[in-house]
Amino acid sequence: MKNVKPPRLGVAIIVSGPSGAGKSTVTERLRAIQRGLDFSVSCTTRAPREGEKHGESYFFISERKFEKRIAAGEFLEYARVHGNLYGTLASEVTDRVRLGRDVLLDIDIQGATQVRKRAETDELLQKCLETVFIGPPSFSELERRLRTRATESEEVIRLRLENAKKELTKWSEYEYLIINKDIDKAVADLNAFFDIMRKKTKRLQHSGFFI
């Protein structure tokens, strides 16, 4: 009996969490471990932060261009968060998973809700989508992290904290939950989850598997 490696659809893994939970750090570390994991670069209308690069961290575009892409139906999801628009281009995800490539989406909770809703009627997304919620060990720790960052005004920090109170109630809508108390442990947990996701049979093409 000849064992042939079957064709596999890629994993589209959404990682979400409130500002200050550490999801960006966790996902960056996962990408360093999983070299074959593609990153879905989101579009945003906010200004770049120090060290961020266009086309790597985000596609930084004007609100006018963002609205045009909405009208053209180019986004898999989009939302206004903290006064700025964020969105994931469908081409960043669907084209890759069809080729068997795994894609990481670091998106906000509003966006994740939209993608899950779309997956209800999209067979490709149903097979490929996985969701992970990154949470802080406590709300007070979340606030400490936001203030320690010292990259935003007090007004923006307060807005993020108010939004976080609502966002933290959404953890049960995700398939996996990671509490980021220790960054090394959180990264190890996400890496373990990812390895499990890649073994799911729902993304395998069954014909000829054990022939």
N, C-alpha and C. Protein backbone atom coordinates (compact mmCIF):
# COMPACT_ATOMS: atom_id res chain seq x y z
N MET A 1 0.85 -1.20 0.00
CA MET A 1 0.00 0.00 0.00
C MET A 1 0.88 1.24 0.00
N LYS A 2 0.68 2.09 -0.98
CA LYS A 2 1.48 3.29 -1.12
C LYS A 2 0.83 4.44 -0.34
N ASN A 3 1.59 5.06 0.54
CA ASN A 3 1.08 6.16 1.35
C ASN A 3 1.45 7.48 0.68
N VAL A 4 0.46 8.14 0.10
CA VAL A 4 0.67 9.39 -0.61
C VAL A 4 0.23 10.57 0.26
N LYS A 5 1.10 11.55 0.38
CA LYS A 5 0.73 12.74 1.15
C LYS A 5 -0.41 13.46 0.45
N PRO A 6 -1.54 13.67 1.13
CA PRO A 6 -2.71 14.25 0.47
C PRO A 6 -2.59 15.75 0.30
N PRO A 7 -3.27 16.29 -0.72
CA PRO A 7 -3.36 17.74 -0.82
C PRO A 7 -4.10 18.28 0.41
N ARG A 8 -3.70 19.44 0.87
CA ARG A 8 -4.32 20.00 2.06
C ARG A 8 -4.61 21.48 1.85
N LEU A 9 -5.81 21.90 2.22
CA LEU A 9 -6.10 23.33 2.25
C LEU A 9 -5.35 23.95 3.42
N GLY A 10 -4.97 25.19 3.27
CA GLY A 10 -4.25 25.86 4.34
C GLY A 10 -5.13 26.23 5.51
N VAL A 11 -4.52 26.55 6.63
CA VAL A 11 -5.20 27.03 7.82
C VAL A 11 -5.25 28.56 7.77
N ALA A 12 -6.41 29.12 8.02
CA ALA A 12 -6.55 30.57 8.20
C ALA A 12 -6.82 30.79 9.68
N ILE A 13 -5.77 31.15 10.42
CA ILE A 13 -5.88 31.26 11.86
C ILE A 13 -6.02 32.72 12.30
N ILE A 14 -7.15 33.04 12.90
CA ILE A 14 -7.40 34.38 13.42
C ILE A 14 -6.94 34.43 14.87
N VAL A 15 -6.14 35.42 15.21
CA VAL A 15 -5.74 35.67 16.59
C VAL A 15 -6.23 37.06 16.97
N SER A 16 -7.07 37.13 17.99
CA SER A 16 -7.64 38.40 18.44
C SER A 16 -7.44 38.58 19.94
N GLY A 17 -7.65 39.81 20.37
CA GLY A 17 -7.57 40.13 21.78
C GLY A 17 -7.55 41.63 21.95
N PRO A 18 -7.87 42.12 23.13
CA PRO A 18 -7.88 43.57 23.35
C PRO A 18 -6.47 44.15 23.33
N SER A 19 -6.38 45.45 23.10
CA SER A 19 -5.08 46.14 23.15
C SER A 19 -4.46 45.94 24.53
N GLY A 20 -3.19 45.56 24.54
CA GLY A 20 -2.50 45.33 25.81
C GLY A 20 -2.44 43.87 26.20
N ALA A 21 -3.16 43.01 25.49
CA ALA A 21 -3.14 41.58 25.81
C ALA A 21 -1.85 40.92 25.31
N GLY A 22 -1.19 41.56 24.36
CA GLY A 22 0.08 41.03 23.86
C GLY A 22 -0.03 40.17 22.63
N LYS A 23 -1.16 40.25 21.91
CA LYS A 23 -1.35 39.35 20.76
C LYS A 23 -0.33 39.60 19.65
N SER A 24 0.05 40.87 19.43
CA SER A 24 1.01 41.15 18.36
C SER A 24 2.38 40.53 18.67
N THR A 25 2.79 40.63 19.93
CA THR A 25 4.07 40.02 20.33
C THR A 25 4.01 38.51 20.20
N VAL A 26 2.91 37.91 20.64
CA VAL A 26 2.74 36.46 20.57
C VAL A 26 2.75 35.98 19.12
N THR A 27 2.03 36.68 18.25
CA THR A 27 1.96 36.25 16.85
C THR A 27 3.30 36.45 16.13
N GLU A 28 4.03 37.50 16.48
CA GLU A 28 5.35 37.70 15.88
C GLU A 28 6.30 36.56 16.26
N ARG A 29 6.21 36.13 17.51
CA ARG A 29 7.06 35.03 17.96
C ARG A 29 6.67 33.72 17.27
N LEU A 30 5.37 33.51 17.06
CA LEU A 30 4.91 32.31 16.35
C LEU A 30 5.45 32.29 14.93
N ARG A 31 5.43 33.42 14.27
CA ARG A 31 5.93 33.51 12.90
C ARG A 31 7.42 33.20 12.83
N ALA A 32 8.14 33.54 13.88
CA ALA A 32 9.58 33.24 13.91
C ALA A 32 9.82 31.74 14.05
N ILE A 33 8.89 31.06 14.73
CA ILE A 33 9.00 29.60 14.92
C ILE A 33 8.51 28.86 13.68
N GLN A 34 7.34 29.26 13.19
CA GLN A 34 6.72 28.61 12.03
C GLN A 34 7.07 29.40 10.77
N ARG A 35 8.21 29.09 10.19
CA ARG A 35 8.72 29.86 9.06
C ARG A 35 7.82 29.81 7.83
N GLY A 36 7.04 28.74 7.70
CA GLY A 36 6.17 28.61 6.54
C GLY A 36 4.82 29.27 6.71
N LEU A 37 4.62 29.96 7.81
CA LEU A 37 3.34 30.59 8.09
C LEU A 37 3.29 31.98 7.48
N ASP A 38 2.36 32.19 6.55
CA ASP A 38 2.20 33.50 5.93
C ASP A 38 1.48 34.45 6.88
N PHE A 39 1.73 35.74 6.70
CA PHE A 39 1.07 36.75 7.52
C PHE A 39 0.16 37.59 6.63
N SER A 40 -1.11 37.69 7.02
CA SER A 40 -2.06 38.51 6.29
C SER A 40 -1.88 39.97 6.72
N VAL A 41 -1.37 40.79 5.82
CA VAL A 41 -1.13 42.21 6.13
C VAL A 41 -2.45 42.97 5.97
N SER A 42 -2.89 43.58 7.05
CA SER A 42 -4.15 44.32 7.04
C SER A 42 -3.96 45.74 6.51
N CYS A 43 -5.04 46.33 6.07
CA CYS A 43 -5.05 47.74 5.69
C CYS A 43 -5.53 48.55 6.89
N THR A 44 -5.02 49.76 7.05
CA THR A 44 -5.49 50.64 8.10
C THR A 44 -5.35 52.09 7.69
N THR A 45 -6.20 52.93 8.26
CA THR A 45 -6.13 54.37 8.00
C THR A 45 -5.36 55.10 9.10
N ARG A 46 -4.91 54.38 10.13
CA ARG A 46 -4.17 55.06 11.19
C ARG A 46 -2.73 55.32 10.75
N ALA A 47 -2.08 56.23 11.45
CA ALA A 47 -0.69 56.56 11.13
C ALA A 47 0.23 55.46 11.63
N PRO A 48 1.35 55.24 10.95
CA PRO A 48 2.31 54.22 11.42
C PRO A 48 2.91 54.59 12.76
N ARG A 49 3.13 53.57 13.60
CA ARG A 49 3.87 53.78 14.84
C ARG A 49 5.36 53.60 14.55
N GLU A 50 6.17 53.96 15.50
CA GLU A 50 7.61 53.86 15.34
C GLU A 50 8.02 52.42 15.03
N GLY A 51 8.78 52.24 13.97
CA GLY A 51 9.26 50.92 13.59
C GLY A 51 8.36 50.17 12.64
N GLU A 52 7.13 50.63 12.43
CA GLU A 52 6.22 49.95 11.52
C GLU A 52 6.52 50.33 10.07
N LYS A 53 6.38 49.34 9.17
CA LYS A 53 6.67 49.56 7.76
C LYS A 53 5.46 49.25 6.90
N HIS A 54 5.24 50.09 5.90
CA HIS A 54 4.14 49.87 4.96
C HIS A 54 4.37 48.57 4.20
N GLY A 55 3.34 47.74 4.14
CA GLY A 55 3.43 46.48 3.43
C GLY A 55 3.94 45.33 4.26
N GLU A 56 4.46 45.64 5.46
CA GLU A 56 4.92 44.60 6.38
C GLU A 56 4.07 44.57 7.64
N SER A 57 3.98 45.71 8.31
CA SER A 57 3.13 45.79 9.50
C SER A 57 1.67 45.94 9.08
N TYR A 58 1.42 46.90 8.21
CA TYR A 58 0.10 47.20 7.65
C TYR A 58 0.30 47.80 6.26
N PHE A 59 -0.80 47.85 5.50
CA PHE A 59 -0.88 48.72 4.35
C PHE A 59 -1.50 50.01 4.86
N PHE A 60 -0.72 51.05 4.98
CA PHE A 60 -1.22 52.33 5.49
C PHE A 60 -1.78 53.13 4.32
N ILE A 61 -3.11 53.30 4.33
CA ILE A 61 -3.77 53.98 3.22
C ILE A 61 -4.71 55.05 3.77
N SER A 62 -5.12 55.95 2.89
CA SER A 62 -6.02 57.02 3.28
C SER A 62 -7.44 56.48 3.48
N GLU A 63 -8.25 57.25 4.18
CA GLU A 63 -9.64 56.83 4.39
C GLU A 63 -10.38 56.77 3.06
N ARG A 64 -10.05 57.68 2.15
CA ARG A 64 -10.71 57.68 0.84
C ARG A 64 -10.42 56.38 0.08
N LYS A 65 -9.16 55.95 0.07
CA LYS A 65 -8.80 54.71 -0.62
C LYS A 65 -9.43 53.50 0.06
N PHE A 66 -9.51 53.56 1.38
CA PHE A 66 -10.13 52.46 2.13
C PHE A 66 -11.60 52.33 1.73
N GLU A 67 -12.29 53.45 1.69
CA GLU A 67 -13.72 53.45 1.33
C GLU A 67 -13.92 52.91 -0.10
N LYS A 68 -13.00 53.23 -1.00
CA LYS A 68 -13.11 52.73 -2.37
C LYS A 68 -12.99 51.21 -2.40
N ARG A 69 -12.10 50.67 -1.57
CA ARG A 69 -11.92 49.22 -1.53
C ARG A 69 -13.13 48.53 -0.90
N ILE A 70 -13.76 49.20 0.06
CA ILE A 70 -15.01 48.67 0.62
C ILE A 70 -16.06 48.56 -0.48
N ALA A 71 -16.22 49.66 -1.24
CA ALA A 71 -17.22 49.69 -2.32
C ALA A 71 -16.94 48.63 -3.38
N ALA A 72 -15.66 48.31 -3.59
CA ALA A 72 -15.30 47.31 -4.59
C ALA A 72 -15.42 45.88 -4.07
N GLY A 73 -15.77 45.73 -2.78
CA GLY A 73 -15.94 44.40 -2.19
C GLY A 73 -14.65 43.64 -2.00
N GLU A 74 -13.55 44.36 -1.78
CA GLU A 74 -12.24 43.71 -1.68
C GLU A 74 -11.91 43.17 -0.29
N PHE A 75 -12.70 43.55 0.71
CA PHE A 75 -12.36 43.15 2.08
C PHE A 75 -13.09 41.90 2.53
N LEU A 76 -12.35 41.03 3.19
CA LEU A 76 -12.94 39.87 3.87
C LEU A 76 -13.66 40.34 5.11
N GLU A 77 -13.10 41.35 5.76
CA GLU A 77 -13.71 42.00 6.92
C GLU A 77 -13.11 43.39 7.06
N TYR A 78 -13.87 44.27 7.70
CA TYR A 78 -13.35 45.59 8.03
C TYR A 78 -14.15 46.17 9.18
N ALA A 79 -13.55 47.09 9.90
CA ALA A 79 -14.22 47.71 11.04
C ALA A 79 -13.52 49.00 11.40
N ARG A 80 -14.25 49.86 12.07
CA ARG A 80 -13.66 51.07 12.62
C ARG A 80 -13.34 50.80 14.09
N VAL A 81 -12.08 50.93 14.45
CA VAL A 81 -11.62 50.64 15.81
C VAL A 81 -10.81 51.83 16.32
N HIS A 82 -11.18 52.34 17.48
CA HIS A 82 -10.48 53.48 18.08
C HIS A 82 -10.38 54.65 17.10
N GLY A 83 -11.41 54.83 16.29
CA GLY A 83 -11.45 55.96 15.37
C GLY A 83 -10.80 55.72 14.02
N ASN A 84 -10.17 54.57 13.82
CA ASN A 84 -9.51 54.27 12.55
C ASN A 84 -10.11 53.03 11.89
N LEU A 85 -10.02 52.96 10.57
CA LEU A 85 -10.51 51.81 9.83
C LEU A 85 -9.41 50.76 9.69
N TYR A 86 -9.80 49.50 9.87
CA TYR A 86 -8.90 48.36 9.68
C TYR A 86 -9.63 47.34 8.82
N GLY A 87 -8.90 46.65 7.96
CA GLY A 87 -9.56 45.65 7.14
C GLY A 87 -8.61 44.61 6.58
N THR A 88 -9.13 43.41 6.32
CA THR A 88 -8.36 42.32 5.75
C THR A 88 -8.81 42.09 4.32
N LEU A 89 -7.89 42.18 3.39
CA LEU A 89 -8.21 41.92 1.99
C LEU A 89 -8.46 40.43 1.79
N ALA A 90 -9.56 40.10 1.11
CA ALA A 90 -9.89 38.69 0.88
C ALA A 90 -8.76 37.97 0.15
N SER A 91 -8.08 38.69 -0.76
CA SER A 91 -7.00 38.08 -1.53
C SER A 91 -5.82 37.66 -0.67
N GLU A 92 -5.66 38.30 0.50
CA GLU A 92 -4.57 37.94 1.41
C GLU A 92 -4.77 36.56 2.02
N VAL A 93 -6.02 36.07 1.99
CA VAL A 93 -6.35 34.82 2.67
C VAL A 93 -6.75 33.70 1.70
N THR A 94 -7.80 33.94 0.93
CA THR A 94 -8.40 32.85 0.14
C THR A 94 -7.45 32.30 -0.91
N ASP A 95 -6.71 33.17 -1.57
CA ASP A 95 -5.77 32.69 -2.60
C ASP A 95 -4.71 31.76 -2.00
N ARG A 96 -4.28 32.06 -0.78
CA ARG A 96 -3.22 31.28 -0.15
C ARG A 96 -3.72 29.94 0.35
N VAL A 97 -4.87 29.93 1.04
CA VAL A 97 -5.33 28.65 1.60
C VAL A 97 -5.69 27.65 0.51
N ARG A 98 -6.14 28.14 -0.64
CA ARG A 98 -6.43 27.23 -1.75
C ARG A 98 -5.17 26.51 -2.23
N LEU A 99 -4.04 27.15 -2.05
CA LEU A 99 -2.76 26.56 -2.46
C LEU A 99 -2.12 25.74 -1.34
N GLY A 100 -2.83 25.59 -0.23
CA GLY A 100 -2.31 24.82 0.89
C GLY A 100 -1.40 25.59 1.81
N ARG A 101 -1.36 26.91 1.68
CA ARG A 101 -0.50 27.73 2.53
C ARG A 101 -1.28 28.20 3.76
N ASP A 102 -0.61 28.22 4.89
CA ASP A 102 -1.23 28.63 6.15
C ASP A 102 -1.06 30.14 6.34
N VAL A 103 -2.14 30.78 6.82
CA VAL A 103 -2.15 32.24 6.93
C VAL A 103 -2.55 32.66 8.34
N LEU A 104 -1.80 33.59 8.89
CA LEU A 104 -2.10 34.14 10.21
C LEU A 104 -2.75 35.50 10.05
N LEU A 105 -3.90 35.70 10.72
CA LEU A 105 -4.61 36.97 10.70
C LEU A 105 -4.63 37.56 12.10
N ASP A 106 -3.91 38.64 12.30
CA ASP A 106 -3.91 39.36 13.57
C ASP A 106 -4.94 40.47 13.43
N ILE A 107 -6.20 40.17 13.79
CA ILE A 107 -7.27 41.15 13.57
C ILE A 107 -8.07 41.37 14.85
N ASP A 108 -8.81 42.49 14.86
CA ASP A 108 -9.58 42.85 16.04
C ASP A 108 -10.81 41.98 16.17
N ILE A 109 -11.48 42.12 17.29
CA ILE A 109 -12.62 41.26 17.63
C ILE A 109 -13.81 41.52 16.72
N GLN A 110 -14.03 42.78 16.33
CA GLN A 110 -15.11 43.09 15.39
C GLN A 110 -14.88 42.37 14.06
N GLY A 111 -13.65 42.43 13.59
CA GLY A 111 -13.33 41.78 12.33
C GLY A 111 -13.47 40.27 12.38
N ALA A 112 -13.05 39.69 13.49
CA ALA A 112 -13.17 38.24 13.64
C ALA A 112 -14.63 37.81 13.61
N THR A 113 -15.50 38.62 14.20
CA THR A 113 -16.94 38.32 14.19
C THR A 113 -17.46 38.31 12.75
N GLN A 114 -17.01 39.27 11.95
CA GLN A 114 -17.44 39.33 10.55
C GLN A 114 -16.98 38.10 9.77
N VAL A 115 -15.74 37.69 9.99
CA VAL A 115 -15.22 36.53 9.26
C VAL A 115 -15.98 35.27 9.65
N ARG A 116 -16.24 35.10 10.94
CA ARG A 116 -17.02 33.92 11.38
C ARG A 116 -18.41 33.93 10.74
N LYS A 117 -19.02 35.09 10.65
CA LYS A 117 -20.34 35.21 10.03
C LYS A 117 -20.27 34.83 8.56
N ARG A 118 -19.24 35.31 7.89
CA ARG A 118 -19.07 34.99 6.47
C ARG A 118 -18.83 33.50 6.27
N ALA A 119 -18.13 32.88 7.21
CA ALA A 119 -17.82 31.45 7.10
C ALA A 119 -19.07 30.58 7.16
N GLU A 120 -20.16 31.10 7.68
CA GLU A 120 -21.41 30.34 7.77
C GLU A 120 -21.94 29.97 6.38
N THR A 121 -21.60 30.80 5.37
CA THR A 121 -22.08 30.54 4.01
C THR A 121 -20.93 30.37 3.02
N ASP A 122 -19.72 30.34 3.50
CA ASP A 122 -18.54 30.19 2.64
C ASP A 122 -17.85 28.87 2.97
N GLU A 123 -17.96 27.89 2.07
CA GLU A 123 -17.45 26.55 2.33
C GLU A 123 -15.94 26.55 2.55
N LEU A 124 -15.22 27.36 1.79
CA LEU A 124 -13.77 27.41 1.93
C LEU A 124 -13.37 27.90 3.32
N LEU A 125 -14.01 28.95 3.79
CA LEU A 125 -13.70 29.47 5.12
C LEU A 125 -14.11 28.48 6.22
N GLN A 126 -15.21 27.80 6.02
CA GLN A 126 -15.65 26.79 6.99
C GLN A 126 -14.56 25.75 7.22
N LYS A 127 -13.90 25.34 6.15
CA LYS A 127 -12.87 24.32 6.25
C LYS A 127 -11.54 24.86 6.80
N CYS A 128 -11.26 26.12 6.53
CA CYS A 128 -9.93 26.65 6.83
C CYS A 128 -9.84 27.48 8.10
N LEU A 129 -10.94 28.01 8.58
CA LEU A 129 -10.90 28.99 9.66
C LEU A 129 -10.69 28.37 11.04
N GLU A 130 -9.76 28.96 11.81
CA GLU A 130 -9.52 28.63 13.21
C GLU A 130 -9.39 29.95 13.98
N THR A 131 -9.86 29.99 15.23
CA THR A 131 -9.85 31.25 15.96
C THR A 131 -9.25 31.09 17.35
N VAL A 132 -8.41 32.06 17.73
CA VAL A 132 -7.73 32.05 19.03
C VAL A 132 -7.90 33.41 19.69
N PHE A 133 -8.28 33.41 20.96
CA PHE A 133 -8.42 34.64 21.73
C PHE A 133 -7.24 34.74 22.70
N ILE A 134 -6.53 35.87 22.65
CA ILE A 134 -5.44 36.15 23.59
C ILE A 134 -5.95 37.12 24.64
N GLY A 135 -5.92 36.70 25.91
CA GLY A 135 -6.41 37.56 26.99
C GLY A 135 -5.32 37.86 28.01
N PRO A 136 -5.47 38.94 28.76
CA PRO A 136 -4.51 39.28 29.82
C PRO A 136 -4.83 38.50 31.09
N PRO A 137 -3.88 38.39 32.02
CA PRO A 137 -4.18 37.70 33.28
C PRO A 137 -5.18 38.46 34.14
N SER A 138 -5.30 39.77 33.94
CA SER A 138 -6.27 40.58 34.68
C SER A 138 -6.46 41.90 33.96
N PHE A 139 -7.55 42.60 34.29
CA PHE A 139 -7.79 43.90 33.67
C PHE A 139 -6.77 44.93 34.15
N SER A 140 -6.39 44.84 35.40
CA SER A 140 -5.40 45.79 35.93
C SER A 140 -4.05 45.62 35.23
N GLU A 141 -3.69 44.38 34.89
CA GLU A 141 -2.45 44.14 34.16
C GLU A 141 -2.56 44.69 32.74
N LEU A 142 -3.74 44.56 32.15
CA LEU A 142 -3.96 45.12 30.82
C LEU A 142 -3.73 46.63 30.84
N GLU A 143 -4.29 47.31 31.84
CA GLU A 143 -4.11 48.75 31.95
C GLU A 143 -2.63 49.11 32.16
N ARG A 144 -1.96 48.34 32.99
CA ARG A 144 -0.53 48.61 33.24
C ARG A 144 0.27 48.51 31.95
N ARG A 145 -0.01 47.50 31.14
CA ARG A 145 0.72 47.32 29.89
C ARG A 145 0.46 48.48 28.92
N LEU A 146 -0.79 48.92 28.84
CA LEU A 146 -1.10 50.02 27.93
C LEU A 146 -0.39 51.30 28.35
N ARG A 147 -0.33 51.55 29.64
CA ARG A 147 0.31 52.78 30.13
C ARG A 147 1.83 52.68 30.01
N THR A 148 2.37 51.50 30.20
CA THR A 148 3.82 51.31 30.10
C THR A 148 4.30 51.52 28.67
N ARG A 149 3.44 51.24 27.70
CA ARG A 149 3.80 51.39 26.30
C ARG A 149 4.16 52.84 25.96
N ALA A 150 3.45 53.77 26.59
CA ALA A 150 3.72 55.21 26.46
C ALA A 150 3.78 55.68 25.00
N THR A 151 2.93 55.12 24.16
CA THR A 151 2.90 55.52 22.75
C THR A 151 1.64 56.28 22.39
N GLU A 152 0.71 56.41 23.36
CA GLU A 152 -0.58 57.03 23.06
C GLU A 152 -0.98 58.01 24.14
N SER A 153 -1.90 58.89 23.78
CA SER A 153 -2.38 59.90 24.71
C SER A 153 -3.29 59.26 25.76
N GLU A 154 -3.54 60.00 26.83
CA GLU A 154 -4.43 59.52 27.89
C GLU A 154 -5.84 59.27 27.34
N GLU A 155 -6.26 60.11 26.43
CA GLU A 155 -7.60 59.95 25.83
C GLU A 155 -7.70 58.63 25.07
N VAL A 156 -6.67 58.31 24.30
CA VAL A 156 -6.67 57.05 23.53
C VAL A 156 -6.60 55.85 24.47
N ILE A 157 -5.79 55.95 25.52
CA ILE A 157 -5.68 54.86 26.49
C ILE A 157 -7.04 54.58 27.15
N ARG A 158 -7.72 55.63 27.54
CA ARG A 158 -9.04 55.46 28.16
C ARG A 158 -10.02 54.81 27.19
N LEU A 159 -9.96 55.21 25.93
CA LEU A 159 -10.84 54.61 24.92
C LEU A 159 -10.54 53.13 24.76
N ARG A 160 -9.26 52.78 24.73
CA ARG A 160 -8.87 51.39 24.59
C ARG A 160 -9.32 50.56 25.79
N LEU A 161 -9.24 51.14 26.98
CA LEU A 161 -9.67 50.43 28.19
C LEU A 161 -11.18 50.20 28.19
N GLU A 162 -11.93 51.20 27.75
CA GLU A 162 -13.38 51.04 27.68
C GLU A 162 -13.75 49.96 26.67
N ASN A 163 -13.08 49.97 25.53
CA ASN A 163 -13.34 48.94 24.53
C ASN A 163 -12.94 47.55 25.03
N ALA A 164 -11.84 47.51 25.79
CA ALA A 164 -11.34 46.22 26.29
C ALA A 164 -12.36 45.55 27.22
N LYS A 165 -13.06 46.35 28.00
CA LYS A 165 -14.07 45.79 28.90
C LYS A 165 -15.13 45.00 28.12
N LYS A 166 -15.50 45.53 26.95
CA LYS A 166 -16.48 44.85 26.11
C LYS A 166 -15.85 43.66 25.39
N GLU A 167 -14.62 43.87 24.90
CA GLU A 167 -13.95 42.83 24.11
C GLU A 167 -13.64 41.59 24.93
N LEU A 168 -13.33 41.78 26.20
CA LEU A 168 -12.98 40.64 27.04
C LEU A 168 -14.15 39.69 27.28
N THR A 169 -15.36 40.16 27.03
CA THR A 169 -16.54 39.29 27.18
C THR A 169 -16.72 38.34 25.99
N LYS A 170 -15.94 38.54 24.94
CA LYS A 170 -16.13 37.78 23.70
C LYS A 170 -15.27 36.51 23.61
N TRP A 171 -14.50 36.21 24.65
CA TRP A 171 -13.56 35.09 24.57
C TRP A 171 -14.23 33.77 24.23
N SER A 172 -15.46 33.56 24.70
CA SER A 172 -16.11 32.27 24.50
C SER A 172 -16.57 32.04 23.06
N GLU A 173 -16.50 33.07 22.23
CA GLU A 173 -16.87 32.92 20.83
C GLU A 173 -15.73 32.32 19.99
N TYR A 174 -14.57 32.14 20.63
CA TYR A 174 -13.40 31.62 19.94
C TYR A 174 -13.20 30.15 20.28
N GLU A 175 -12.47 29.44 19.42
CA GLU A 175 -12.25 28.01 19.62
C GLU A 175 -11.16 27.72 20.64
N TYR A 176 -10.20 28.63 20.75
CA TYR A 176 -9.07 28.45 21.67
C TYR A 176 -8.88 29.72 22.49
N LEU A 177 -8.45 29.54 23.74
CA LEU A 177 -8.19 30.67 24.64
C LEU A 177 -6.79 30.54 25.23
N ILE A 178 -6.03 31.64 25.15
CA ILE A 178 -4.70 31.70 25.75
C ILE A 178 -4.64 32.91 26.68
N ILE A 179 -4.28 32.69 27.94
CA ILE A 179 -4.07 33.78 28.88
C ILE A 179 -2.59 34.14 28.87
N ASN A 180 -2.30 35.33 28.43
CA ASN A 180 -0.90 35.75 28.28
C ASN A 180 -0.36 36.34 29.58
N LYS A 181 -0.05 35.45 30.51
CA LYS A 181 0.60 35.87 31.76
C LYS A 181 2.11 35.85 31.59
N ASP A 182 2.58 34.82 30.90
CA ASP A 182 4.01 34.67 30.60
C ASP A 182 4.15 34.53 29.09
N ILE A 183 4.94 35.40 28.47
CA ILE A 183 4.99 35.44 27.01
C ILE A 183 5.52 34.14 26.43
N ASP A 184 6.52 33.54 27.04
CA ASP A 184 7.07 32.29 26.52
C ASP A 184 6.02 31.17 26.54
N LYS A 185 5.26 31.09 27.62
CA LYS A 185 4.21 30.07 27.74
C LYS A 185 3.10 30.33 26.72
N ALA A 186 2.73 31.60 26.55
CA ALA A 186 1.68 31.94 25.60
C ALA A 186 2.08 31.56 24.17
N VAL A 187 3.34 31.83 23.82
CA VAL A 187 3.83 31.47 22.49
C VAL A 187 3.85 29.95 22.32
N ALA A 188 4.30 29.24 23.35
CA ALA A 188 4.33 27.77 23.28
C ALA A 188 2.93 27.20 23.11
N ASP A 189 1.95 27.77 23.81
CA ASP A 189 0.56 27.31 23.70
C ASP A 189 0.03 27.54 22.28
N LEU A 190 0.28 28.74 21.73
CA LEU A 190 -0.21 29.04 20.38
C LEU A 190 0.45 28.13 19.35
N ASN A 191 1.72 27.86 19.53
CA ASN A 191 2.44 26.97 18.62
C ASN A 191 1.86 25.55 18.68
N ALA A 192 1.54 25.10 19.89
CA ALA A 192 0.94 23.77 20.05
C ALA A 192 -0.43 23.71 19.39
N PHE A 193 -1.24 24.76 19.58
CA PHE A 193 -2.55 24.82 18.94
C PHE A 193 -2.41 24.77 17.42
N PHE A 194 -1.44 25.52 16.89
CA PHE A 194 -1.26 25.58 15.45
C PHE A 194 -0.91 24.21 14.88
N ASP A 195 -0.05 23.48 15.56
CA ASP A 195 0.30 22.13 15.10
C ASP A 195 -0.91 21.21 15.07
N ILE A 196 -1.80 21.37 16.05
CA ILE A 196 -3.04 20.58 16.07
C ILE A 196 -3.95 20.97 14.90
N MET A 197 -4.07 22.27 14.66
CA MET A 197 -4.91 22.76 13.57
C MET A 197 -4.50 22.18 12.22
N ARG A 198 -3.20 22.05 12.00
CA ARG A 198 -2.69 21.57 10.72
C ARG A 198 -2.99 20.08 10.50
N LYS A 199 -3.35 19.39 11.56
CA LYS A 199 -3.63 17.95 11.45
C LYS A 199 -5.12 17.64 11.29
N LYS A 200 -5.96 18.66 11.29
CA LYS A 200 -7.40 18.42 11.18
C LYS A 200 -7.76 17.84 9.81
N THR A 201 -8.63 16.83 9.81
CA THR A 201 -8.98 16.14 8.58
C THR A 201 -9.91 16.95 7.68
N LYS A 202 -10.59 17.96 8.23
CA LYS A 202 -11.56 18.70 7.41
C LYS A 202 -10.90 19.45 6.26
N ARG A 203 -9.57 19.64 6.33
CA ARG A 203 -8.88 20.34 5.26
C ARG A 203 -8.15 19.39 4.31
N LEU A 204 -8.25 18.10 4.55
CA LEU A 204 -7.59 17.12 3.67
C LEU A 204 -8.48 16.74 2.51
N GLN A 205 -7.85 16.50 1.38
CA GLN A 205 -8.57 15.93 0.22
C GLN A 205 -8.50 14.42 0.39
N HIS A 206 -9.64 13.78 0.61
CA HIS A 206 -9.67 12.38 1.04
C HIS A 206 -9.30 11.36 -0.04
N SER A 207 -9.55 11.71 -1.30
CA SER A 207 -9.32 10.70 -2.34
C SER A 207 -7.84 10.33 -2.43
N GLY A 208 -7.57 9.06 -2.40
CA GLY A 208 -6.22 8.56 -2.56
C GLY A 208 -5.33 8.66 -1.35
N PHE A 209 -5.89 8.91 -0.16
CA PHE A 209 -5.07 9.15 1.02
C PHE A 209 -4.22 7.93 1.39
N PHE A 210 -4.84 6.73 1.42
CA PHE A 210 -4.11 5.51 1.78
C PHE A 210 -3.96 4.56 0.60
N ILE A 211 -3.91 5.11 -0.58
CA ILE A 211 -3.78 4.25 -1.77
C ILE A 211 -2.37 4.35 -2.32
